[in-house]
């Protein structure tokens, strides 16, 4: 392997490691949120409560799946796809946070 190829690959490797460390750190607030999410059933079982709790509890699964896809792409020397795969959960988390703040501003 030439030095030029190695130099071009390090940004993708750094992004893979940093993004996945970020997902690991997000497990700390997720653990609190997951424990409190079952309070959605205090008013009874509803479709909204089931979807809410399911969405909260599924968080660790998505970064794990996309991390595996990213490392497989990186191993196949597809650095751009590796960066895309590892960024998908970040986009999903960003959208969820944006929706949360929009709902707060709307008074929900």
C-alpha atoms as a PDB file:
ATOM      1  CA  UNK A   1       0.000   0.000   0.000  1.00  0.00           C
ATOM      2  CA  UNK A   2       1.429   3.362  -0.928  1.00  0.00           C
ATOM      3  CA  UNK A   3       1.740   6.255   1.484  1.00  0.00           C
ATOM      4  CA  UNK A   4      -0.607   8.364  -0.623  1.00  0.00           C
ATOM      5  CA  UNK A   5      -3.495   5.931  -0.148  1.00  0.00           C
ATOM      6  CA  UNK A   6      -2.840   5.765   3.604  1.00  0.00           C
ATOM      7  CA  UNK A   7      -2.831   9.552   3.890  1.00  0.00           C
ATOM      8  CA  UNK A   8      -6.168   9.852   2.088  1.00  0.00           C
ATOM      9  CA  UNK A   9      -7.808   7.231   4.329  1.00  0.00           C
ATOM     10  CA  UNK A  10      -7.070   8.779   7.728  1.00  0.00           C
ATOM     11  CA  UNK A  11      -9.934  11.366   7.678  1.00  0.00           C
ATOM     12  CA  UNK A  12     -12.478   8.578   7.217  1.00  0.00           C
ATOM     13  CA  UNK A  13     -10.912   6.550  10.015  1.00  0.00           C
ATOM     14  CA  UNK A  14     -10.912   9.546  12.367  1.00  0.00           C
ATOM     15  CA  UNK A  15     -14.564  10.291  11.540  1.00  0.00           C
ATOM     16  CA  UNK A  16     -15.539   6.645  12.137  1.00  0.00           C
ATOM     17  CA  UNK A  17     -13.869   6.608  15.540  1.00  0.00           C
ATOM     18  CA  UNK A  18     -15.128  10.037  16.676  1.00  0.00           C
ATOM     19  CA  UNK A  19     -18.711   9.487  15.560  1.00  0.00           C
ATOM     20  CA  UNK A  20     -18.895   6.114  17.242  1.00  0.00           C
ATOM     21  CA  UNK A  21     -17.403   7.482  20.451  1.00  0.00           C
ATOM     22  CA  UNK A  22     -20.116  10.144  20.314  1.00  0.00           C
ATOM     23  CA  UNK A  23     -22.781   7.438  19.977  1.00  0.00           C
ATOM     24  CA  UNK A  24     -21.239   5.671  22.947  1.00  0.00           C
ATOM     25  CA  UNK A  25     -21.411   8.854  25.044  1.00  0.00           C
ATOM     26  CA  UNK A  26     -25.054   9.319  24.005  1.00  0.00           C
ATOM     27  CA  UNK A  27     -25.849   6.031  25.740  1.00  0.00           C
ATOM     28  CA  UNK A  28     -25.523   7.817  29.094  1.00  0.00           C
ATOM     29  CA  UNK A  29     -28.496  10.183  28.617  1.00  0.00           C
ATOM     30  CA  UNK A  30     -30.291   7.454  26.670  1.00  0.00           C
ATOM     31  CA  UNK A  31     -30.175   5.174  29.712  1.00  0.00           C
ATOM     32  CA  UNK A  32     -32.014   7.789  31.767  1.00  0.00           C
ATOM     33  CA  UNK A  33     -34.493   8.495  28.972  1.00  0.00           C
ATOM     34  CA  UNK A  34     -35.169   4.795  28.448  1.00  0.00           C
ATOM     35  CA  UNK A  35     -35.948   4.277  32.114  1.00  0.00           C
ATOM     36  CA  UNK A  36     -38.288   7.252  32.175  1.00  0.00           C
ATOM     37  CA  UNK A  37     -39.953   6.436  28.852  1.00  0.00           C
ATOM     38  CA  UNK A  38     -42.074   3.707  30.420  1.00  0.00           C
ATOM     39  CA  UNK A  39     -43.965   6.479  32.198  1.00  0.00           C
ATOM     40  CA  UNK A  40     -45.715   6.975  28.860  1.00  0.00           C
ATOM     41  CA  UNK A  41     -47.887   4.030  29.902  1.00  0.00           C
ATOM     42  CA  UNK A  42     -49.089   5.763  33.083  1.00  0.00           C
ATOM     43  CA  UNK A  43     -52.239   6.926  31.312  1.00  0.00           C
ATOM     44  CA  UNK A  44     -52.779   3.490  29.803  1.00  0.00           C
ATOM     45  CA  UNK A  45     -51.570   1.629  26.779  1.00  0.00           C
ATOM     46  CA  UNK A  46     -51.977   3.564  23.554  1.00  0.00           C
ATOM     47  CA  UNK A  47     -50.452   3.436  20.104  1.00  0.00           C
ATOM     48  CA  UNK A  48     -48.619   6.706  20.762  1.00  0.00           C
ATOM     49  CA  UNK A  49     -47.095   5.362  23.968  1.00  0.00           C
ATOM     50  CA  UNK A  50     -45.982   2.138  22.306  1.00  0.00           C
ATOM     51  CA  UNK A  51     -44.403   4.040  19.402  1.00  0.00           C
ATOM     52  CA  UNK A  52     -42.692   6.492  21.751  1.00  0.00           C
ATOM     53  CA  UNK A  53     -41.214   3.799  23.974  1.00  0.00           C
ATOM     54  CA  UNK A  54     -40.249   1.709  20.948  1.00  0.00           C
ATOM     55  CA  UNK A  55     -38.463   4.667  19.379  1.00  0.00           C
ATOM     56  CA  UNK A  56     -36.552   5.434  22.582  1.00  0.00           C
ATOM     57  CA  UNK A  57     -35.588   1.822  23.229  1.00  0.00           C
ATOM     58  CA  UNK A  58     -34.469   1.203  19.655  1.00  0.00           C
ATOM     59  CA  UNK A  59     -31.767   3.883  19.822  1.00  0.00           C
ATOM     60  CA  UNK A  60     -28.812   1.556  20.574  1.00  0.00           C
ATOM     61  CA  UNK A  61     -29.741  -0.757  17.721  1.00  0.00           C
ATOM     62  CA  UNK A  62     -29.457   1.850  14.948  1.00  0.00           C
ATOM     63  CA  UNK A  63     -25.941   3.117  15.678  1.00  0.00           C
ATOM     64  CA  UNK A  64     -24.801  -0.489  16.048  1.00  0.00           C
ATOM     65  CA  UNK A  65     -26.213  -1.513  12.665  1.00  0.00           C
ATOM     66  CA  UNK A  66     -24.830   1.536  10.879  1.00  0.00           C
ATOM     67  CA  UNK A  67     -21.460   1.185  12.613  1.00  0.00           C
ATOM     68  CA  UNK A  68     -21.152  -2.359  11.337  1.00  0.00           C
ATOM     69  CA  UNK A  69     -22.059  -1.204   7.830  1.00  0.00           C
ATOM     70  CA  UNK A  70     -19.522   1.617   8.092  1.00  0.00           C
ATOM     71  CA  UNK A  71     -16.664  -0.640   9.171  1.00  0.00           C
ATOM     72  CA  UNK A  72     -17.483  -3.145   6.426  1.00  0.00           C
ATOM     73  CA  UNK A  73     -17.416  -0.297   3.878  1.00  0.00           C
ATOM     74  CA  UNK A  74     -14.129   0.964   5.323  1.00  0.00           C
ATOM     75  CA  UNK A  75     -12.621  -2.524   5.111  1.00  0.00           C
ATOM     76  CA  UNK A  76     -13.668  -2.651   1.459  1.00  0.00           C
ATOM     77  CA  UNK A  77     -11.832   0.663   0.917  1.00  0.00           C
ATOM     78  CA  UNK A  78     -15.038   2.632   0.357  1.00  0.00           C
ATOM     79  CA  UNK A  79     -14.215   5.533   2.655  1.00  0.00           C
ATOM     80  CA  UNK A  80     -17.032   7.806   1.455  1.00  0.00           C
ATOM     81  CA  UNK A  81     -19.675   5.146   2.056  1.00  0.00           C
ATOM     82  CA  UNK A  82     -18.164   4.417   5.461  1.00  0.00           C
ATOM     83  CA  UNK A  83     -18.513   8.090   6.365  1.00  0.00           C
ATOM     84  CA  UNK A  84     -22.097   8.130   5.100  1.00  0.00           C
ATOM     85  CA  UNK A  85     -23.080   4.974   6.994  1.00  0.00           C
ATOM     86  CA  UNK A  86     -21.639   6.206  10.269  1.00  0.00           C
ATOM     87  CA  UNK A  87     -23.335   9.599   9.839  1.00  0.00           C
ATOM     88  CA  UNK A  88     -26.880   8.283   9.340  1.00  0.00           C
ATOM     89  CA  UNK A  89     -27.635   7.862  13.092  1.00  0.00           C
ATOM     90  CA  UNK A  90     -26.247  11.359  13.704  1.00  0.00           C
ATOM     91  CA  UNK A  91     -28.739  12.782  11.213  1.00  0.00           C
ATOM     92  CA  UNK A  92     -31.572  10.812  12.830  1.00  0.00           C
ATOM     93  CA  UNK A  93     -30.603  12.042  16.314  1.00  0.00           C
ATOM     94  CA  UNK A  94     -30.332  15.604  14.984  1.00  0.00           C
ATOM     95  CA  UNK A  95     -33.792  15.417  13.457  1.00  0.00           C
ATOM     96  CA  UNK A  96     -35.257  13.999  16.668  1.00  0.00           C
ATOM     97  CA  UNK A  97     -33.724  16.802  18.716  1.00  0.00           C
ATOM     98  CA  UNK A  98     -35.010  19.391  16.228  1.00  0.00           C
ATOM     99  CA  UNK A  99     -38.538  17.961  16.371  1.00  0.00           C
ATOM    100  CA  UNK A 100     -38.348  17.908  20.167  1.00  0.00           C
ATOM    101  CA  UNK A 101     -37.429  21.599  20.346  1.00  0.00           C
ATOM    102  CA  UNK A 102     -40.052  22.539  17.754  1.00  0.00           C
ATOM    103  CA  UNK A 103     -42.717  20.756  19.789  1.00  0.00           C
ATOM    104  CA  UNK A 104     -41.561  22.546  22.937  1.00  0.00           C
ATOM    105  CA  UNK A 105     -41.816  25.913  21.159  1.00  0.00           C
ATOM    106  CA  UNK A 106     -45.308  25.024  19.966  1.00  0.00           C
ATOM    107  CA  UNK A 107     -46.389  24.319  23.528  1.00  0.00           C
ATOM    108  CA  UNK A 108     -46.720  20.537  23.457  1.00  0.00           C
END
